[in-house]
Amino acid sequence: MVGGLQTQLADPTGVFIMRSESQSVARAVTGKPSLVGTQRVAYILDLTKPDGMFLARDFQIRDGDTVYVTEAPFVQWQKTLRSVTGTAADVGASSRAFN
């Protein structure tokens, strides 16, 4: 429904779906038979791997799930660069205002 990730903003290696799973599902998913009760589980989808798109297509999002997509590395670099150049531009504008 959303239409997918925005390629310029999202990191396709970091798509997380977080949900609470029943004890039986959590045991099956993690392979840990000692788990007791409802468990919080994070599913990670890497859309750069050959099977990633197929897994994403078949993965059912449920009410109550949290979907988190990490930022593309370039976005963080842009934010850092903007904070530095924005500060420099503000200083330049302030100095011009007092001259």
N, C-alpha and C. Protein backbone atom coordinates (compact mmCIF):
# COMPACT_ATOMS: atom_id res chain seq x y z
N MET A 1 0.82 -1.20 0.00
CA MET A 1 0.00 0.00 0.00
C MET A 1 0.86 1.26 0.00
N VAL A 2 1.99 1.21 0.68
CA VAL A 2 2.85 2.38 0.78
C VAL A 2 3.59 2.64 -0.53
N GLY A 3 3.89 1.58 -1.25
CA GLY A 3 4.56 1.75 -2.53
C GLY A 3 6.04 1.44 -2.50
N GLY A 4 6.56 0.99 -1.39
CA GLY A 4 7.97 0.62 -1.33
C GLY A 4 8.84 1.67 -0.68
N LEU A 5 10.12 1.38 -0.69
CA LEU A 5 11.10 2.27 -0.07
C LEU A 5 11.48 3.39 -1.01
N GLN A 6 11.81 4.54 -0.46
CA GLN A 6 12.33 5.63 -1.27
C GLN A 6 13.83 5.40 -1.41
N THR A 7 14.28 5.15 -2.62
CA THR A 7 15.67 4.73 -2.85
C THR A 7 16.69 5.75 -2.36
N GLN A 8 16.36 7.03 -2.39
CA GLN A 8 17.32 8.05 -1.98
C GLN A 8 17.37 8.21 -0.46
N LEU A 9 16.42 7.64 0.27
CA LEU A 9 16.37 7.82 1.72
C LEU A 9 16.58 6.54 2.52
N ALA A 10 16.14 5.40 2.00
CA ALA A 10 16.11 4.17 2.78
C ALA A 10 17.29 3.26 2.47
N ASP A 11 17.71 2.51 3.48
CA ASP A 11 18.76 1.50 3.33
C ASP A 11 18.07 0.16 3.12
N PRO A 12 18.16 -0.43 1.93
CA PRO A 12 17.45 -1.68 1.66
C PRO A 12 17.99 -2.88 2.44
N THR A 13 19.12 -2.71 3.13
CA THR A 13 19.65 -3.82 3.93
C THR A 13 19.09 -3.79 5.34
N GLY A 14 18.35 -2.75 5.69
CA GLY A 14 17.87 -2.60 7.06
C GLY A 14 16.38 -2.37 7.18
N VAL A 15 15.60 -3.37 6.84
CA VAL A 15 14.15 -3.30 7.02
C VAL A 15 13.80 -4.24 8.17
N PHE A 16 13.25 -3.68 9.24
CA PHE A 16 12.93 -4.45 10.44
C PHE A 16 11.43 -4.48 10.66
N ILE A 17 10.91 -5.65 10.97
CA ILE A 17 9.51 -5.79 11.38
C ILE A 17 9.55 -6.35 12.80
N MET A 18 9.01 -5.60 13.74
CA MET A 18 9.04 -6.00 15.14
C MET A 18 7.63 -6.31 15.61
N ARG A 19 7.49 -7.46 16.29
CA ARG A 19 6.17 -7.87 16.77
C ARG A 19 6.31 -8.79 17.97
N SER A 20 5.23 -8.95 18.68
CA SER A 20 5.15 -9.93 19.76
C SER A 20 4.62 -11.23 19.18
N GLU A 21 5.34 -12.31 19.44
CA GLU A 21 4.94 -13.63 18.93
C GLU A 21 4.59 -14.54 20.09
N SER A 22 3.69 -15.46 19.83
CA SER A 22 3.33 -16.46 20.83
C SER A 22 4.55 -17.33 21.13
N GLN A 23 4.49 -18.03 22.24
CA GLN A 23 5.59 -18.88 22.65
C GLN A 23 5.94 -19.90 21.56
N SER A 24 4.93 -20.54 20.98
CA SER A 24 5.20 -21.58 19.98
C SER A 24 5.87 -21.01 18.73
N VAL A 25 5.40 -19.85 18.28
CA VAL A 25 6.00 -19.24 17.09
C VAL A 25 7.42 -18.77 17.41
N ALA A 26 7.62 -18.15 18.56
CA ALA A 26 8.95 -17.68 18.96
C ALA A 26 9.93 -18.84 19.04
N ARG A 27 9.49 -19.95 19.59
CA ARG A 27 10.36 -21.13 19.67
C ARG A 27 10.73 -21.64 18.28
N ALA A 28 9.75 -21.68 17.39
CA ALA A 28 9.99 -22.16 16.02
C ALA A 28 10.92 -21.23 15.25
N VAL A 29 10.73 -19.94 15.41
CA VAL A 29 11.52 -18.96 14.67
C VAL A 29 12.96 -18.91 15.17
N THR A 30 13.14 -18.92 16.48
CA THR A 30 14.48 -18.78 17.04
C THR A 30 15.21 -20.10 17.22
N GLY A 31 14.46 -21.19 17.25
CA GLY A 31 15.08 -22.48 17.49
C GLY A 31 15.47 -22.70 18.94
N LYS A 32 14.91 -21.90 19.84
CA LYS A 32 15.21 -22.00 21.27
C LYS A 32 14.00 -22.59 22.00
N PRO A 33 14.04 -23.87 22.32
CA PRO A 33 12.89 -24.50 22.97
C PRO A 33 12.66 -24.05 24.41
N SER A 34 13.61 -23.32 24.98
CA SER A 34 13.48 -22.90 26.37
C SER A 34 12.69 -21.60 26.54
N LEU A 35 12.29 -20.94 25.46
CA LEU A 35 11.54 -19.69 25.57
C LEU A 35 10.18 -19.94 26.21
N VAL A 36 9.78 -19.03 27.10
CA VAL A 36 8.51 -19.18 27.80
C VAL A 36 7.69 -17.90 27.61
N GLY A 37 6.44 -18.06 27.23
CA GLY A 37 5.53 -16.92 27.10
C GLY A 37 5.72 -16.15 25.81
N THR A 38 4.96 -15.07 25.70
CA THR A 38 5.03 -14.20 24.52
C THR A 38 6.41 -13.56 24.44
N GLN A 39 6.95 -13.51 23.24
CA GLN A 39 8.30 -12.97 23.02
C GLN A 39 8.26 -11.85 21.98
N ARG A 40 9.12 -10.88 22.19
CA ARG A 40 9.29 -9.82 21.17
C ARG A 40 10.32 -10.31 20.17
N VAL A 41 9.94 -10.25 18.89
CA VAL A 41 10.79 -10.77 17.82
C VAL A 41 11.00 -9.67 16.79
N ALA A 42 12.22 -9.55 16.30
CA ALA A 42 12.54 -8.62 15.22
C ALA A 42 12.92 -9.42 14.00
N TYR A 43 12.16 -9.26 12.93
CA TYR A 43 12.48 -9.89 11.66
C TYR A 43 13.24 -8.88 10.82
N ILE A 44 14.31 -9.32 10.19
CA ILE A 44 15.15 -8.42 9.40
C ILE A 44 15.08 -8.84 7.95
N LEU A 45 14.76 -7.91 7.07
CA LEU A 45 14.71 -8.18 5.64
C LEU A 45 15.84 -7.40 4.97
N ASP A 46 16.60 -8.08 4.16
CA ASP A 46 17.67 -7.46 3.38
C ASP A 46 17.24 -7.52 1.92
N LEU A 47 16.81 -6.41 1.40
CA LEU A 47 16.28 -6.38 0.04
C LEU A 47 17.35 -6.37 -1.04
N THR A 48 18.62 -6.43 -0.64
CA THR A 48 19.71 -6.50 -1.62
C THR A 48 20.10 -7.94 -1.91
N LYS A 49 19.62 -8.87 -1.11
CA LYS A 49 19.93 -10.29 -1.33
C LYS A 49 18.93 -10.87 -2.33
N PRO A 50 19.34 -11.89 -3.06
CA PRO A 50 18.46 -12.45 -4.10
C PRO A 50 17.07 -12.85 -3.60
N ASP A 51 16.99 -13.41 -2.41
CA ASP A 51 15.67 -13.84 -1.92
C ASP A 51 14.96 -12.76 -1.10
N GLY A 52 15.59 -11.62 -0.90
CA GLY A 52 15.02 -10.57 -0.06
C GLY A 52 13.68 -10.04 -0.53
N MET A 53 13.55 -9.81 -1.82
CA MET A 53 12.29 -9.30 -2.35
C MET A 53 11.17 -10.33 -2.24
N PHE A 54 11.51 -11.60 -2.45
CA PHE A 54 10.51 -12.66 -2.32
C PHE A 54 10.05 -12.79 -0.87
N LEU A 55 11.01 -12.72 0.06
CA LEU A 55 10.65 -12.78 1.48
C LEU A 55 9.77 -11.60 1.87
N ALA A 56 10.12 -10.41 1.39
CA ALA A 56 9.34 -9.22 1.71
C ALA A 56 7.93 -9.32 1.14
N ARG A 57 7.82 -9.83 -0.07
CA ARG A 57 6.52 -9.96 -0.71
C ARG A 57 5.61 -10.91 0.05
N ASP A 58 6.19 -11.98 0.57
CA ASP A 58 5.41 -13.01 1.26
C ASP A 58 5.21 -12.74 2.75
N PHE A 59 5.92 -11.77 3.29
CA PHE A 59 5.84 -11.49 4.73
C PHE A 59 4.55 -10.71 5.03
N GLN A 60 3.76 -11.25 5.92
CA GLN A 60 2.49 -10.61 6.27
C GLN A 60 2.68 -9.61 7.40
N ILE A 61 2.35 -8.36 7.14
CA ILE A 61 2.37 -7.33 8.19
C ILE A 61 1.05 -7.43 8.93
N ARG A 62 1.11 -7.40 10.26
CA ARG A 62 -0.09 -7.52 11.09
C ARG A 62 -0.35 -6.24 11.86
N ASP A 63 -1.58 -6.09 12.31
CA ASP A 63 -1.90 -4.98 13.21
C ASP A 63 -0.99 -5.07 14.42
N GLY A 64 -0.45 -3.95 14.85
CA GLY A 64 0.42 -3.93 16.02
C GLY A 64 1.89 -4.08 15.69
N ASP A 65 2.22 -4.46 14.44
CA ASP A 65 3.63 -4.56 14.04
C ASP A 65 4.24 -3.17 13.95
N THR A 66 5.53 -3.12 14.19
CA THR A 66 6.29 -1.90 13.97
C THR A 66 7.25 -2.18 12.81
N VAL A 67 7.18 -1.35 11.78
CA VAL A 67 8.08 -1.49 10.64
C VAL A 67 9.05 -0.31 10.71
N TYR A 68 10.33 -0.64 10.72
CA TYR A 68 11.38 0.38 10.81
C TYR A 68 12.35 0.16 9.66
N VAL A 69 12.67 1.22 8.95
CA VAL A 69 13.63 1.16 7.85
C VAL A 69 14.76 2.11 8.18
N THR A 70 15.98 1.59 8.15
CA THR A 70 17.14 2.43 8.45
C THR A 70 17.40 3.40 7.30
N GLU A 71 18.07 4.48 7.65
CA GLU A 71 18.42 5.47 6.63
C GLU A 71 19.57 4.98 5.77
N ALA A 72 19.55 5.41 4.54
CA ALA A 72 20.68 5.14 3.65
C ALA A 72 21.90 5.87 4.21
N PRO A 73 23.10 5.28 4.10
CA PRO A 73 24.30 5.92 4.63
C PRO A 73 24.50 7.34 4.10
N PHE A 74 24.13 7.56 2.85
CA PHE A 74 24.30 8.88 2.25
C PHE A 74 23.43 9.93 2.95
N VAL A 75 22.28 9.54 3.45
CA VAL A 75 21.38 10.48 4.12
C VAL A 75 22.04 11.02 5.38
N GLN A 76 22.67 10.14 6.16
CA GLN A 76 23.36 10.58 7.37
C GLN A 76 24.50 11.52 7.02
N TRP A 77 25.22 11.22 5.95
CA TRP A 77 26.31 12.09 5.50
C TRP A 77 25.75 13.47 5.10
N GLN A 78 24.61 13.48 4.40
CA GLN A 78 24.00 14.75 4.01
C GLN A 78 23.59 15.57 5.23
N LYS A 79 23.03 14.91 6.24
CA LYS A 79 22.63 15.62 7.46
C LYS A 79 23.84 16.25 8.14
N THR A 80 24.92 15.50 8.22
CA THR A 80 26.14 16.01 8.84
C THR A 80 26.67 17.19 8.05
N LEU A 81 26.72 17.03 6.75
CA LEU A 81 27.22 18.11 5.89
C LEU A 81 26.34 19.35 6.01
N ARG A 82 25.02 19.16 6.02
CA ARG A 82 24.10 20.29 6.16
C ARG A 82 24.28 21.00 7.50
N SER A 83 24.52 20.24 8.55
CA SER A 83 24.68 20.88 9.86
C SER A 83 25.94 21.73 9.88
N VAL A 84 27.00 21.28 9.20
CA VAL A 84 28.24 22.05 9.16
C VAL A 84 28.09 23.25 8.23
N THR A 85 27.60 23.02 7.02
CA THR A 85 27.48 24.13 6.07
C THR A 85 26.38 25.10 6.49
N GLY A 86 25.33 24.59 7.12
CA GLY A 86 24.27 25.48 7.61
C GLY A 86 24.78 26.40 8.69
N THR A 87 25.61 25.88 9.60
CA THR A 87 26.20 26.71 10.65
C THR A 87 27.13 27.74 10.06
N ALA A 88 27.93 27.34 9.09
CA ALA A 88 28.85 28.28 8.44
C ALA A 88 28.06 29.36 7.71
N ALA A 89 26.98 29.00 7.06
CA ALA A 89 26.15 29.98 6.35
C ALA A 89 25.50 30.95 7.33
N ASP A 90 25.05 30.44 8.48
CA ASP A 90 24.44 31.30 9.49
C ASP A 90 25.45 32.31 10.04
N VAL A 91 26.67 31.84 10.27
CA VAL A 91 27.73 32.74 10.77
C VAL A 91 28.02 33.82 9.73
N GLY A 92 28.10 33.39 8.46
CA GLY A 92 28.35 34.36 7.38
C GLY A 92 27.24 35.39 7.29
N ALA A 93 26.00 34.96 7.39
CA ALA A 93 24.85 35.88 7.32
C ALA A 93 24.86 36.83 8.50
N SER A 94 25.21 36.32 9.68
CA SER A 94 25.24 37.19 10.86
C SER A 94 26.33 38.23 10.74
N SER A 95 27.49 37.84 10.24
CA SER A 95 28.59 38.81 10.11
C SER A 95 28.25 39.87 9.07
N ARG A 96 27.54 39.50 8.01
CA ARG A 96 27.14 40.49 7.00
C ARG A 96 26.10 41.45 7.57
N ALA A 97 25.27 40.96 8.47
CA ALA A 97 24.22 41.79 9.05
C ALA A 97 24.79 42.88 9.94
N PHE A 98 25.95 42.63 10.53
CA PHE A 98 26.55 43.62 11.43
C PHE A 98 27.56 44.51 10.74
N ASN A 99 27.83 44.30 9.47
CA ASN A 99 28.79 45.14 8.74
C ASN A 99 28.10 46.27 8.05
